[in-house]
Amino acid sequence: MQLELRHLQAVCRIAEAGSLGGAARRLGVSQPALSAQLRRIERVTGGELFVRGRNGVEPTALGQFVLAKARRVLGEMEALGAEARAIATGTPLRLGCILLVLLDGLLAETDRSMSGQEITVDLEDSVTALTRMLGAGRYDAIVYGEVNEHEVPLPEGTLARTLVPREPFCIRLSAAHPLAGSDRIELADLAGESWMTLVEDDDGGPEALVAACAKAGFVPSLRYRITDRKMHYDLIAAGRAVSLSQPTAPPAAGTVMRPLAGSPVTGRIRLAWNRSAVSAGQAERLYRAAAQAHLANVANHAFHKEWWDAHPEVHPLLD
C-alpha cells in the first residue's frame, strides 16, 4: 500500500479530534473502519502513530513526524487548488453574505480590487446556512457577523479573519419618539416598545438582545421580523417598533439612530474562506475590499464616528 492524501487527512483528523471516535465522525466513517485504516497506515510508516493517553489518543514521536509532513503536504495541495483557480480564466469566485451594511459597497470594492475576476454574490438570512454551504463548496468565501460572545462554528478546511472585532449596536427609533432627542438611551427606557427581531436568528443576536433586556429588567416584545429594508424603516418611522441596528447603517427618513448606554450588545464581522478555493492573495484582497466597504459607512452617524476614532484597536488592518 502507498500513502494517499486520504490517509494523511485521516492521521490529521485523529490528531485534531484526540480520539478515533471523534475523527471517524468528522470523516463520515465508522470507528472500526478508521481503526483498520490506521493500522494499515502504521504498517507503511513502520510503527505506532498514536498511543492512548489520559485525554484520548496522543501522537508518538513517529506520529508527530508524520503529522508535520502530512500537514505540509495537505497545505501544499490546498494552495495548489486555490492558486490554480485564481489563475484560471472564467472561474468566478463565489461569495456568500448575510445582510450587513457593508454589503452595499462590497461589490464595488471587489470590482476594483479583484483584478477583473468575476465574483458572484448571494445573500442569505442564516449564518448556519452560509457556513454549511461554505463547507459543501457552494461558496468559496463568506462574510458574516457574530453578536456578543457567540462564535459561529466553521467547517474543516476553512480559514477565517476578523474584520471588526467589536462594534456597539445602537437603536433606531422614530424621529417623533420621546427619546429621539436623547444623546444616549438606557435600554430599560425601551421596556414598553415593540421590537424588530434581528433578521439572522443564529448569529447570537436574538439571545444577546433578550439577555440584555433581562438585565435591564424586562422581556422584549419581539413583534416584527422584516427583511425588506424600506418596510423595516417605515414601521419604525411610524412609531410602531424600535430596532437594534449596526451603527454604520445609513440614515432613513423619519427615524433616528442613538447609542445605547453601556453598549450591552456588540457585533463582530468576519471573513472566512475555503483554503482549497481561495488563494492567500485573493483572501487578502477580499479582506481589504470588505474593510473599505465598512470604513465607507463609519461616519454615517457622528456618535459612532466619535466612538470609532476613540477605539483604533478595532480598526481593520490595512497597512
Protein backbone atom coordinates (compact mmCIF):
# COMPACT_ATOMS: atom_id res chain seq x y z
CA MET A 1 0.00 0.00 0.00
CA GLN A 2 1.17 3.53 -0.77
CA LEU A 3 0.16 6.52 1.29
CA GLU A 4 -2.50 8.71 -0.32
CA LEU A 5 -3.91 12.12 0.58
CA ARG A 6 -6.90 10.48 2.29
CA HIS A 7 -4.51 8.64 4.60
CA LEU A 8 -2.76 11.87 5.53
CA GLN A 9 -6.15 13.51 6.14
CA ALA A 10 -7.16 10.63 8.43
CA VAL A 11 -3.98 10.99 10.50
CA CYS A 12 -4.56 14.74 10.85
CA ARG A 13 -8.21 14.28 11.83
CA ILE A 14 -7.30 11.76 14.54
CA ALA A 15 -4.77 14.21 15.99
CA GLU A 16 -7.24 17.11 15.83
CA ALA A 17 -10.13 15.16 17.38
CA GLY A 18 -7.98 13.45 20.03
CA SER A 19 -9.90 10.21 19.58
CA LEU A 20 -10.70 7.69 16.89
CA GLY A 21 -14.42 8.09 17.51
CA GLY A 22 -14.32 11.85 17.08
CA ALA A 23 -12.18 11.58 13.97
CA ALA A 24 -14.48 8.95 12.48
CA ARG A 25 -17.48 11.26 12.91
CA ARG A 26 -15.62 14.10 11.19
CA LEU A 27 -14.59 11.84 8.33
CA GLY A 28 -18.01 10.25 7.97
CA VAL A 29 -16.79 6.68 8.51
CA SER A 30 -17.26 4.08 11.22
CA GLN A 31 -14.73 3.83 14.05
CA PRO A 32 -13.79 0.20 13.21
CA ALA A 33 -13.13 1.22 9.58
CA LEU A 34 -10.91 4.10 10.71
CA SER A 35 -9.04 1.82 13.17
CA ALA A 36 -8.36 -0.65 10.37
CA GLN A 37 -7.16 2.16 8.11
CA LEU A 38 -4.85 3.48 10.84
CA ARG A 39 -3.29 0.03 11.25
CA ARG A 40 -2.60 -0.10 7.50
CA ILE A 41 -1.05 3.38 7.62
CA GLU A 42 1.13 2.34 10.57
CA ARG A 43 2.39 -0.69 8.65
CA VAL A 44 3.55 1.65 5.88
CA THR A 45 5.15 4.18 8.25
CA GLY A 46 6.81 1.46 10.32
CA GLY A 47 5.35 1.97 13.78
CA GLU A 48 2.60 3.28 16.03
CA LEU A 49 1.46 6.82 15.29
CA PHE A 50 -0.80 7.23 18.35
CA VAL A 51 -0.96 5.90 21.89
CA ARG A 52 -3.89 6.11 24.27
CA GLY A 53 -3.41 8.74 26.96
CA ARG A 54 -5.45 10.24 29.80
CA ASN A 55 -7.23 12.65 27.44
CA GLY A 56 -7.65 10.36 24.44
CA VAL A 57 -5.08 9.39 21.83
CA GLU A 58 -1.78 11.26 21.59
CA PRO A 59 0.80 11.15 18.79
CA THR A 60 4.02 9.24 19.34
CA ALA A 61 7.35 10.71 18.25
CA LEU A 62 6.86 8.96 14.89
CA GLY A 63 3.31 10.26 14.81
CA GLN A 64 4.46 13.83 15.34
CA PHE A 65 6.93 13.44 12.45
CA VAL A 66 4.23 12.04 10.13
CA LEU A 67 1.76 14.74 11.22
CA ALA A 68 4.21 17.54 10.42
CA LYS A 69 4.84 16.10 6.95
CA ALA A 70 1.13 15.41 6.36
CA ARG A 71 0.08 18.94 7.27
CA ARG A 72 2.72 20.36 4.96
CA VAL A 73 1.63 18.15 2.04
CA LEU A 74 -2.08 18.86 2.58
CA GLY A 75 -1.38 22.58 2.86
CA GLU A 76 0.55 22.50 -0.42
CA MET A 77 -2.31 20.66 -2.14
CA GLU A 78 -4.85 23.17 -0.87
CA ALA A 79 -2.65 26.04 -2.04
CA LEU A 80 -2.26 24.36 -5.43
CA GLY A 81 -6.03 24.17 -5.90
CA ALA A 82 -6.61 27.73 -4.74
CA GLU A 83 -3.83 29.24 -6.84
CA ALA A 84 -4.88 27.28 -9.91
CA ARG A 85 -8.44 28.63 -9.54
CA ALA A 86 -7.05 32.13 -9.17
CA ILE A 87 -5.08 31.81 -12.41
CA ALA A 88 -7.80 30.07 -14.41
CA THR A 89 -9.95 32.35 -16.52
CA GLY A 90 -13.72 32.15 -16.43
CA THR A 91 -13.86 30.75 -12.90
CA PRO A 92 -15.98 33.06 -10.72
CA LEU A 93 -15.28 33.43 -7.02
CA ARG A 94 -18.49 32.64 -5.15
CA LEU A 95 -19.12 34.89 -2.15
CA GLY A 96 -21.94 34.47 0.36
CA CYS A 97 -23.02 37.16 2.84
CA ILE A 98 -25.63 37.95 5.43
CA LEU A 99 -27.38 41.32 5.39
CA LEU A 100 -24.57 43.55 6.66
CA VAL A 101 -24.37 47.27 5.96
CA LEU A 102 -21.04 46.85 4.18
CA LEU A 103 -22.68 44.62 1.57
CA ASP A 104 -23.90 47.66 -0.38
CA GLY A 105 -20.33 48.81 -1.02
CA LEU A 106 -18.65 45.41 -1.16
CA LEU A 107 -19.47 44.73 -4.80
CA ALA A 108 -17.92 47.98 -5.98
CA GLU A 109 -14.84 47.39 -3.83
CA THR A 110 -14.33 43.83 -5.09
CA ASP A 111 -14.72 45.02 -8.68
CA ARG A 112 -11.86 47.44 -8.06
CA SER A 113 -9.58 45.12 -6.13
CA MET A 114 -10.03 41.62 -7.59
CA SER A 115 -8.16 42.24 -10.86
CA GLY A 116 -11.16 41.77 -13.09
CA GLN A 117 -12.07 38.32 -11.72
CA GLU A 118 -15.78 37.62 -11.88
CA ILE A 119 -17.43 37.42 -8.46
CA THR A 120 -20.90 36.14 -7.73
CA VAL A 121 -22.59 37.25 -4.51
CA ASP A 122 -25.56 35.59 -2.80
CA LEU A 123 -27.40 36.91 0.25
CA GLU A 124 -28.52 34.51 2.99
CA ASP A 125 -30.64 35.07 6.10
CA SER A 126 -28.86 32.36 8.07
CA VAL A 127 -25.24 32.24 9.20
CA THR A 128 -25.64 28.49 9.65
CA ALA A 129 -26.67 28.16 6.01
CA LEU A 130 -23.67 30.24 4.96
CA THR A 131 -21.16 28.08 6.83
CA ARG A 132 -22.82 24.85 5.71
CA MET A 133 -22.62 25.92 2.07
CA LEU A 134 -19.02 27.05 2.54
CA GLY A 135 -18.17 23.56 3.79
CA ALA A 136 -20.07 21.95 0.92
CA GLY A 137 -18.24 24.04 -1.68
CA ARG A 138 -21.27 26.11 -2.68
CA TYR A 139 -19.40 29.26 -1.58
CA ASP A 140 -15.68 29.94 -1.79
CA ALA A 141 -15.82 32.68 0.87
CA ILE A 142 -18.37 34.20 3.23
CA VAL A 143 -18.75 37.47 5.13
CA TYR A 144 -20.81 37.17 8.29
CA GLY A 145 -21.46 38.63 11.73
CA GLU A 146 -21.41 37.39 15.30
CA VAL A 147 -23.06 39.08 18.29
CA ASN A 148 -21.52 39.46 21.75
CA GLU A 149 -19.59 36.29 22.66
CA HIS A 150 -21.30 33.99 20.17
CA GLU A 151 -18.87 32.10 17.90
CA VAL A 152 -20.07 30.53 14.66
CA PRO A 153 -18.57 27.04 14.11
CA LEU A 154 -16.71 26.85 10.81
CA PRO A 155 -16.31 23.74 8.65
CA GLU A 156 -12.99 21.98 8.25
CA GLY A 157 -10.73 23.20 5.51
CA THR A 158 -11.55 26.85 6.09
CA LEU A 159 -9.66 29.84 7.41
CA ALA A 160 -11.14 32.98 8.96
CA ARG A 161 -10.06 36.52 9.64
CA THR A 162 -11.78 39.08 11.83
CA LEU A 163 -12.59 42.33 10.06
CA VAL A 164 -14.05 44.26 13.00
CA PRO A 165 -13.65 42.57 16.42
CA ARG A 166 -16.15 44.72 18.31
CA GLU A 167 -18.65 47.43 17.45
CA PRO A 168 -21.60 48.52 19.62
CA PHE A 169 -25.09 48.10 18.26
CA CYS A 170 -27.34 51.14 18.57
CA ILE A 171 -31.08 51.79 18.49
CA ARG A 172 -33.12 53.02 15.54
CA LEU A 173 -36.39 54.66 16.58
CA SER A 174 -38.93 57.10 15.23
CA ALA A 175 -37.84 60.72 14.96
CA ALA A 176 -41.08 61.54 16.83
CA HIS A 177 -40.25 59.20 19.72
CA PRO A 178 -39.94 60.94 23.13
CA LEU A 179 -36.36 59.61 23.42
CA ALA A 180 -35.32 60.73 19.94
CA GLY A 181 -33.64 63.85 21.33
CA SER A 182 -31.51 61.91 23.82
CA ASP A 183 -27.76 61.70 23.31
CA ARG A 184 -27.74 58.16 24.72
CA ILE A 185 -30.59 55.80 25.60
CA GLU A 186 -30.91 53.47 28.55
CA LEU A 187 -32.19 50.08 27.41
CA ALA A 188 -34.63 49.96 30.35
CA ASP A 189 -36.40 53.04 28.94
CA LEU A 190 -37.48 50.93 25.93
CA ALA A 191 -39.27 48.29 28.02
CA GLY A 192 -42.72 49.04 26.62
CA GLU A 193 -41.73 49.06 22.94
CA SER A 194 -42.44 46.59 20.17
CA TRP A 195 -39.15 45.34 18.71
CA MET A 196 -37.96 44.30 15.31
CA THR A 197 -36.40 40.85 15.61
CA LEU A 198 -32.97 40.69 14.02
CA VAL A 199 -33.09 39.10 10.58
CA GLU A 200 -30.44 36.49 11.44
CA ASP A 201 -31.51 34.13 14.21
CA ASP A 202 -28.34 32.06 14.53
CA ASP A 203 -25.57 34.64 15.00
CA GLY A 204 -26.24 35.14 18.71
CA GLY A 205 -28.24 38.33 18.12
CA PRO A 206 -31.68 37.35 19.47
CA GLU A 207 -30.12 35.76 22.56
CA ALA A 208 -27.97 38.84 23.15
CA LEU A 209 -30.98 41.17 22.89
CA VAL A 210 -33.11 39.06 25.24
CA ALA A 211 -30.23 38.75 27.74
CA ALA A 212 -29.53 42.49 27.67
CA CYS A 213 -33.20 43.30 28.16
CA ALA A 214 -33.45 40.80 31.02
CA LYS A 215 -30.52 42.54 32.70
CA ALA A 216 -32.39 45.82 32.21
CA GLY A 217 -35.45 44.32 33.90
CA PHE A 218 -37.85 43.43 31.08
CA VAL A 219 -38.70 40.93 28.36
CA PRO A 220 -38.73 42.49 24.87
CA SER A 221 -41.85 42.19 22.73
CA LEU A 222 -40.38 40.74 19.52
CA ARG A 223 -43.21 41.57 17.15
CA TYR A 224 -41.69 42.01 13.69
CA ARG A 225 -39.15 40.19 11.56
CA ILE A 226 -38.86 42.19 8.35
CA THR A 227 -36.17 41.59 5.72
CA ASP A 228 -37.25 44.41 3.40
CA ARG A 229 -35.30 47.50 4.47
CA LYS A 230 -37.88 50.06 3.35
CA MET A 231 -40.73 48.34 5.20
CA HIS A 232 -38.44 47.94 8.21
CA TYR A 233 -37.67 51.67 8.27
CA ASP A 234 -41.28 52.70 7.54
CA LEU A 235 -42.58 50.74 10.54
CA ILE A 236 -40.02 52.40 12.78
CA ALA A 237 -40.72 55.87 11.35
CA ALA A 238 -44.42 55.31 12.08
CA GLY A 239 -43.57 54.64 15.73
CA ARG A 240 -44.70 51.03 15.60
CA ALA A 241 -41.35 49.49 16.53
CA VAL A 242 -37.75 50.09 17.56
CA SER A 243 -34.79 48.05 16.40
CA LEU A 244 -31.21 47.19 17.20
CA SER A 245 -29.03 48.33 14.34
CA GLN A 246 -25.45 48.30 13.18
CA PRO A 247 -24.12 51.80 13.93
CA THR A 248 -22.92 52.08 10.32
CA ALA A 249 -26.46 51.79 8.93
CA PRO A 250 -27.48 54.73 6.73
CA PRO A 251 -29.93 57.41 7.88
CA ALA A 252 -33.57 56.78 6.98
CA ALA A 253 -36.36 59.35 6.71
CA GLY A 254 -38.46 59.68 9.85
CA THR A 255 -36.01 57.72 12.04
CA VAL A 256 -33.00 58.49 14.20
CA MET A 257 -30.13 56.37 15.47
CA ARG A 258 -28.94 56.62 19.06
CA PRO A 259 -26.24 54.77 21.05
CA LEU A 260 -27.20 52.53 23.96
CA ALA A 261 -25.77 53.32 27.38
CA GLY A 262 -23.16 50.76 28.35
CA SER A 263 -23.06 49.13 24.89
CA PRO A 264 -24.87 45.95 26.05
CA VAL A 265 -24.91 44.40 22.56
CA THR A 266 -21.87 44.39 20.28
CA GLY A 267 -21.22 42.92 16.86
CA ARG A 268 -18.22 41.34 15.19
CA ILE A 269 -17.65 41.00 11.42
CA ARG A 270 -15.61 38.13 9.96
CA LEU A 271 -14.44 36.79 6.63
CA ALA A 272 -13.99 33.03 6.12
CA TRP A 273 -12.83 31.16 3.06
CA ASN A 274 -12.19 27.68 1.72
CA ARG A 275 -8.44 27.10 1.65
CA SER A 276 -8.64 24.92 -1.46
CA ALA A 277 -10.61 27.52 -3.45
CA VAL A 278 -9.25 30.91 -2.36
CA SER A 279 -5.56 31.77 -2.55
CA ALA A 280 -3.80 33.82 0.11
CA GLY A 281 -3.69 36.77 -2.29
CA GLN A 282 -7.40 36.55 -3.05
CA ALA A 283 -8.22 36.31 0.67
CA GLU A 284 -6.17 39.44 1.34
CA ARG A 285 -7.92 41.34 -1.45
CA LEU A 286 -11.33 40.23 -0.19
CA TYR A 287 -10.40 41.37 3.31
CA ARG A 288 -9.29 44.78 2.07
CA ALA A 289 -12.41 45.18 -0.08
CA ALA A 290 -14.68 44.34 2.88
CA ALA A 291 -12.69 46.68 5.13
CA GLN A 292 -13.00 49.58 2.69
CA ALA A 293 -16.74 48.93 2.32
CA HIS A 294 -17.13 49.04 6.09
CA LEU A 295 -15.00 52.16 6.51
CA ALA A 296 -17.12 53.99 3.95
CA ASN A 297 -20.04 53.90 6.42
CA VAL A 298 -18.26 54.68 9.69
CA ALA A 299 -19.12 58.41 9.50
CA ASN A 300 -22.84 57.87 8.79
CA HIS A 301 -23.57 58.99 12.36
CA ALA A 302 -21.49 61.44 14.39
CA PHE A 303 -21.77 59.47 17.64
CA HIS A 304 -20.35 56.37 16.01
CA LYS A 305 -17.56 58.24 14.22
CA GLU A 306 -16.53 59.62 17.62
CA TRP A 307 -16.57 56.12 19.14
CA TRP A 308 -14.64 54.68 16.18
CA ASP A 309 -11.91 57.31 16.36
CA ALA A 310 -11.51 56.61 20.08
CA HIS A 311 -11.04 52.84 19.52
CA PRO A 312 -8.24 52.27 16.99
CA GLU A 313 -7.83 48.72 18.29
CA VAL A 314 -10.97 47.65 16.40
CA HIS A 315 -9.93 49.11 13.05
CA PRO A 316 -9.26 46.70 10.15
CA LEU A 317 -5.59 46.03 9.50
CA LEU A 318 -4.83 47.67 6.17
CA ASP A 319 -1.12 48.51 6.45
